[in-house]
């Protein structure tokens, strides 16, 4: 556990952003995708609860920025305007 991270920090959601731009990358870079999903364990080790960790992966394997913008909007909506503590990815 990191002593610089306080309960105030842990009171905000932690976001894990999993990103591969194409389906080919998803297929051929599985280790990278797995490492990105493993960031959830890091957030748990740092003291976030399961319910406070959000994984953003709906645009996995897609090109362009539209889905990414949508994900960022969802981040803001989920946090009810409160600032997320950390985006891991």
N, C-alpha and C. Protein backbone atom coordinates (compact mmCIF):
# COMPACT_ATOMS: atom_id res chain seq x y z
N UNK A 1 0.85 -1.17 0.00
CA UNK A 1 0.00 0.00 0.00
C UNK A 1 0.90 1.24 0.00
N UNK A 2 0.56 2.23 -0.77
CA UNK A 2 1.34 3.46 -0.91
C UNK A 2 0.86 4.47 0.13
N UNK A 3 1.77 4.96 0.97
CA UNK A 3 1.39 5.87 2.04
C UNK A 3 0.96 7.25 1.53
N UNK A 4 1.27 7.57 0.28
CA UNK A 4 0.85 8.86 -0.28
C UNK A 4 -0.61 8.86 -0.71
N UNK A 5 -1.21 7.68 -0.83
CA UNK A 5 -2.60 7.57 -1.23
C UNK A 5 -3.45 7.52 0.03
N UNK A 6 -4.35 8.47 0.16
CA UNK A 6 -5.19 8.58 1.35
C UNK A 6 -6.59 8.03 1.11
N UNK A 7 -7.38 7.97 2.17
CA UNK A 7 -8.78 7.54 2.04
C UNK A 7 -9.56 8.49 1.15
N UNK A 8 -9.18 9.76 1.17
CA UNK A 8 -9.83 10.73 0.28
C UNK A 8 -9.61 10.33 -1.18
N UNK A 9 -8.40 9.92 -1.51
CA UNK A 9 -8.11 9.44 -2.87
C UNK A 9 -8.93 8.20 -3.19
N UNK A 10 -8.95 7.26 -2.23
CA UNK A 10 -9.66 6.00 -2.47
C UNK A 10 -11.18 6.19 -2.51
N UNK A 11 -11.64 7.34 -2.09
CA UNK A 11 -13.06 7.64 -2.16
C UNK A 11 -13.52 7.97 -3.57
N UNK A 12 -12.58 8.19 -4.45
CA UNK A 12 -12.88 8.46 -5.86
C UNK A 12 -12.64 7.21 -6.68
N UNK A 13 -13.32 7.07 -7.81
CA UNK A 13 -13.11 5.87 -8.64
C UNK A 13 -11.71 5.82 -9.26
N UNK A 14 -11.25 4.62 -9.48
CA UNK A 14 -10.02 4.38 -10.26
C UNK A 14 -10.46 3.82 -11.60
N UNK A 15 -9.99 4.39 -12.68
CA UNK A 15 -10.36 3.96 -14.02
C UNK A 15 -9.21 3.24 -14.69
N UNK A 16 -9.50 2.08 -15.25
CA UNK A 16 -8.52 1.30 -16.01
C UNK A 16 -8.92 1.43 -17.48
N UNK A 17 -8.05 2.00 -18.30
CA UNK A 17 -8.35 2.19 -19.72
C UNK A 17 -7.57 1.15 -20.51
N UNK A 18 -8.29 0.22 -21.13
CA UNK A 18 -7.69 -0.85 -21.92
C UNK A 18 -7.84 -0.47 -23.39
N UNK A 19 -6.73 -0.41 -24.09
CA UNK A 19 -6.78 0.12 -25.46
C UNK A 19 -5.87 -0.66 -26.40
N UNK A 20 -6.44 -1.11 -27.50
CA UNK A 20 -5.73 -1.61 -28.68
C UNK A 20 -6.52 -1.05 -29.85
N UNK A 21 -5.86 -0.45 -30.82
CA UNK A 21 -6.54 0.29 -31.88
C UNK A 21 -7.20 -0.57 -32.96
N UNK A 22 -6.74 -1.79 -33.15
CA UNK A 22 -7.30 -2.62 -34.21
C UNK A 22 -7.54 -4.03 -33.68
N UNK A 23 -8.40 -4.77 -34.38
CA UNK A 23 -8.61 -6.17 -34.01
C UNK A 23 -7.33 -6.98 -34.17
N UNK A 24 -6.51 -6.62 -35.15
CA UNK A 24 -5.22 -7.31 -35.32
C UNK A 24 -4.35 -7.13 -34.09
N UNK A 25 -4.33 -5.93 -33.53
CA UNK A 25 -3.56 -5.70 -32.31
C UNK A 25 -4.10 -6.53 -31.15
N UNK A 26 -5.41 -6.61 -31.06
CA UNK A 26 -6.03 -7.41 -30.00
C UNK A 26 -5.58 -8.87 -30.14
N UNK A 27 -5.56 -9.39 -31.37
CA UNK A 27 -5.18 -10.78 -31.61
C UNK A 27 -3.68 -11.03 -31.40
N UNK A 28 -2.85 -10.09 -31.87
CA UNK A 28 -1.41 -10.31 -31.88
C UNK A 28 -0.66 -9.71 -30.70
N UNK A 29 -1.34 -8.95 -29.89
CA UNK A 29 -0.70 -8.33 -28.72
C UNK A 29 -1.50 -8.67 -27.46
N UNK A 30 -1.83 -9.94 -27.32
CA UNK A 30 -2.65 -10.37 -26.19
C UNK A 30 -1.98 -10.10 -24.85
N UNK A 31 -0.66 -10.21 -24.80
CA UNK A 31 0.06 -9.96 -23.56
C UNK A 31 -0.12 -8.52 -23.11
N UNK A 32 -0.10 -7.59 -24.05
CA UNK A 32 -0.31 -6.18 -23.73
C UNK A 32 -1.70 -5.95 -23.16
N UNK A 33 -2.69 -6.56 -23.79
CA UNK A 33 -4.07 -6.43 -23.31
C UNK A 33 -4.19 -7.02 -21.91
N UNK A 34 -3.60 -8.18 -21.70
CA UNK A 34 -3.64 -8.81 -20.38
C UNK A 34 -2.98 -7.93 -19.32
N UNK A 35 -1.85 -7.31 -19.67
CA UNK A 35 -1.17 -6.42 -18.72
C UNK A 35 -2.05 -5.22 -18.37
N UNK A 36 -2.78 -4.71 -19.37
CA UNK A 36 -3.66 -3.58 -19.12
C UNK A 36 -4.79 -3.99 -18.17
N UNK A 37 -5.39 -5.15 -18.40
CA UNK A 37 -6.44 -5.63 -17.50
C UNK A 37 -5.87 -5.90 -16.10
N UNK A 38 -4.60 -6.29 -16.02
CA UNK A 38 -3.98 -6.58 -14.72
C UNK A 38 -3.81 -5.32 -13.87
N UNK A 39 -3.94 -4.15 -14.47
CA UNK A 39 -3.87 -2.92 -13.68
C UNK A 39 -4.96 -2.86 -12.62
N UNK A 40 -6.03 -3.62 -12.81
CA UNK A 40 -7.08 -3.71 -11.80
C UNK A 40 -6.49 -4.22 -10.47
N UNK A 41 -5.61 -5.24 -10.56
CA UNK A 41 -4.96 -5.78 -9.37
C UNK A 41 -4.11 -4.71 -8.69
N UNK A 42 -3.46 -3.86 -9.50
CA UNK A 42 -2.66 -2.78 -8.92
C UNK A 42 -3.55 -1.82 -8.13
N UNK A 43 -4.69 -1.48 -8.70
CA UNK A 43 -5.62 -0.58 -8.01
C UNK A 43 -6.09 -1.22 -6.70
N UNK A 44 -6.35 -2.52 -6.72
CA UNK A 44 -6.74 -3.23 -5.49
C UNK A 44 -5.63 -3.18 -4.46
N UNK A 45 -4.39 -3.42 -4.90
CA UNK A 45 -3.24 -3.37 -4.00
C UNK A 45 -3.06 -1.98 -3.40
N UNK A 46 -3.41 -0.95 -4.17
CA UNK A 46 -3.28 0.42 -3.68
C UNK A 46 -4.44 0.82 -2.77
N UNK A 47 -5.41 -0.08 -2.61
CA UNK A 47 -6.45 0.15 -1.63
C UNK A 47 -7.84 0.48 -2.15
N UNK A 48 -8.01 0.51 -3.48
CA UNK A 48 -9.35 0.75 -4.01
C UNK A 48 -10.18 -0.52 -3.84
N UNK A 49 -11.46 -0.37 -3.57
CA UNK A 49 -12.36 -1.51 -3.48
C UNK A 49 -12.76 -1.95 -4.88
N UNK A 50 -13.22 -3.19 -5.01
CA UNK A 50 -13.68 -3.69 -6.31
C UNK A 50 -14.73 -2.77 -6.92
N UNK A 51 -15.65 -2.31 -6.09
CA UNK A 51 -16.75 -1.49 -6.60
C UNK A 51 -16.31 -0.10 -7.06
N UNK A 52 -15.12 0.32 -6.66
CA UNK A 52 -14.62 1.66 -7.03
C UNK A 52 -13.74 1.62 -8.28
N UNK A 53 -13.51 0.45 -8.84
CA UNK A 53 -12.64 0.32 -10.00
C UNK A 53 -13.51 0.13 -11.24
N UNK A 54 -13.30 1.01 -12.23
CA UNK A 54 -14.05 0.95 -13.48
C UNK A 54 -13.08 0.60 -14.62
N UNK A 55 -13.44 -0.37 -15.43
CA UNK A 55 -12.62 -0.75 -16.58
C UNK A 55 -13.28 -0.23 -17.84
N UNK A 56 -12.55 0.59 -18.58
CA UNK A 56 -13.04 1.17 -19.83
C UNK A 56 -12.41 0.40 -20.99
N UNK A 57 -13.22 -0.42 -21.64
CA UNK A 57 -12.68 -1.24 -22.73
C UNK A 57 -13.65 -1.40 -23.88
N UNK A 58 -14.69 -0.60 -23.93
CA UNK A 58 -15.68 -0.76 -24.99
C UNK A 58 -15.15 -0.41 -26.37
N UNK A 59 -14.07 0.37 -26.45
CA UNK A 59 -13.53 0.70 -27.77
C UNK A 59 -12.32 -0.17 -28.12
N UNK A 60 -12.13 -1.26 -27.41
CA UNK A 60 -11.03 -2.18 -27.67
C UNK A 60 -11.14 -2.72 -29.09
N UNK A 61 -10.09 -2.55 -29.88
CA UNK A 61 -10.05 -3.04 -31.25
C UNK A 61 -10.69 -2.11 -32.26
N UNK A 62 -11.03 -0.90 -31.85
CA UNK A 62 -11.64 0.06 -32.77
C UNK A 62 -10.69 1.22 -33.03
N UNK A 63 -10.71 1.72 -34.24
CA UNK A 63 -9.93 2.90 -34.57
C UNK A 63 -10.81 4.13 -34.42
N UNK A 64 -10.19 5.27 -34.49
CA UNK A 64 -10.94 6.51 -34.41
C UNK A 64 -11.07 7.01 -32.98
N UNK A 65 -11.65 8.19 -32.85
CA UNK A 65 -11.73 8.80 -31.53
C UNK A 65 -13.15 8.89 -30.98
N UNK A 66 -14.15 8.59 -31.77
CA UNK A 66 -15.52 8.75 -31.29
C UNK A 66 -15.81 7.90 -30.06
N UNK A 67 -15.44 6.62 -30.09
CA UNK A 67 -15.69 5.77 -28.93
C UNK A 67 -14.90 6.26 -27.73
N UNK A 68 -13.67 6.72 -27.96
CA UNK A 68 -12.86 7.21 -26.86
C UNK A 68 -13.52 8.42 -26.22
N UNK A 69 -14.02 9.32 -27.01
CA UNK A 69 -14.71 10.49 -26.45
C UNK A 69 -15.92 10.05 -25.63
N UNK A 70 -16.64 9.07 -26.15
CA UNK A 70 -17.81 8.56 -25.44
C UNK A 70 -17.40 7.97 -24.09
N UNK A 71 -16.30 7.22 -24.08
CA UNK A 71 -15.80 6.64 -22.84
C UNK A 71 -15.45 7.73 -21.83
N UNK A 72 -14.79 8.78 -22.29
CA UNK A 72 -14.41 9.87 -21.39
C UNK A 72 -15.66 10.54 -20.83
N UNK A 73 -16.66 10.74 -21.67
CA UNK A 73 -17.93 11.32 -21.18
C UNK A 73 -18.55 10.41 -20.14
N UNK A 74 -18.50 9.10 -20.37
CA UNK A 74 -19.05 8.15 -19.40
C UNK A 74 -18.29 8.23 -18.08
N UNK A 75 -16.97 8.40 -18.16
CA UNK A 75 -16.15 8.57 -16.97
C UNK A 75 -16.66 9.74 -16.14
N UNK A 76 -16.87 10.86 -16.79
CA UNK A 76 -17.34 12.06 -16.11
C UNK A 76 -18.72 11.85 -15.53
N UNK A 77 -19.59 11.22 -16.29
CA UNK A 77 -20.96 10.98 -15.81
C UNK A 77 -20.96 10.04 -14.61
N UNK A 78 -20.16 8.98 -14.67
CA UNK A 78 -20.10 8.02 -13.57
C UNK A 78 -19.58 8.65 -12.29
N UNK A 79 -18.65 9.57 -12.42
CA UNK A 79 -18.06 10.16 -11.23
C UNK A 79 -18.87 11.36 -10.74
N UNK A 80 -20.02 11.60 -11.36
CA UNK A 80 -20.91 12.69 -10.95
C UNK A 80 -20.19 14.02 -10.86
N UNK A 81 -19.29 14.25 -11.79
CA UNK A 81 -18.56 15.51 -11.81
C UNK A 81 -17.35 15.54 -10.87
N UNK A 82 -17.23 14.56 -9.99
CA UNK A 82 -16.08 14.51 -9.09
C UNK A 82 -14.87 14.03 -9.91
N UNK A 83 -13.73 14.49 -9.56
CA UNK A 83 -12.53 14.12 -10.29
C UNK A 83 -12.13 12.69 -9.95
N UNK A 84 -11.85 11.90 -10.97
CA UNK A 84 -11.35 10.55 -10.75
C UNK A 84 -9.95 10.64 -10.16
N UNK A 85 -9.62 9.73 -9.27
CA UNK A 85 -8.30 9.76 -8.66
C UNK A 85 -7.22 9.40 -9.66
N UNK A 86 -7.44 8.39 -10.46
CA UNK A 86 -6.36 7.90 -11.29
C UNK A 86 -6.95 7.20 -12.51
N UNK A 87 -6.33 7.40 -13.61
CA UNK A 87 -6.66 6.61 -14.79
C UNK A 87 -5.43 5.79 -15.11
N UNK A 88 -5.57 4.49 -15.03
CA UNK A 88 -4.45 3.58 -15.28
C UNK A 88 -4.63 2.99 -16.66
N UNK A 89 -3.59 3.00 -17.45
CA UNK A 89 -3.70 2.39 -18.77
C UNK A 89 -2.58 2.80 -19.67
